[in-house]
């Protein structure tokens, strides 16, 4: 009579316990590290969303041949919104229309709002003081013309975003060409991230 070999499938209890121990150790090491990085990840997401909205406003201005603005609302929490200025080219009149619902910075969590965090100087080449509401655009709005450029030299500026970890991003249009930049503060200087 032949003996048949049985092939057992599956794990033994010891193998399962070792596997669970390895997963537990990895989680104990990795999860706190991830949680420490979460405020900066959320801030980076908020900065990239604002960068995209600024680019969208610029492209819509060219595409529709009408002025489009980003209107920034400081406060707790801050927000911003893309507005089509309309045929009369005057902000705040009846022909203005919202292109997107207001983006609430507080919705990102982790204390994200307008601010400079631990940054010691602004993102301009002169590195001067920060505006009191951390929005250096005149009337808290930047407007792109039908050629994609800013309307005049007085409209250049930056918006500063921060979080509970005091990290800071600056988004702005440093020249009247309408080119949008995204910068992050690293220890003692601003670095372009786009």
Foldseek 3Di string as FASTA:
>chain_A
DDDDDDDDDDDDPVVVVVVVVVVVVCCVVPVVVVVVCLQVVLLVVVLVVVLVVLVVQLVVQQVVQFKKKWAWAFDVAIWIFIKGCADVNDPPDPRIDTPDDIGTQCVSPQAKHFDQFPADFDQDPVRHDAPPRQWQAVNRMFMAGNQSFTPDQSGWTWTWIAGNNSWIKIWTDNGRRNDIWIWTDDPHHIDTDD
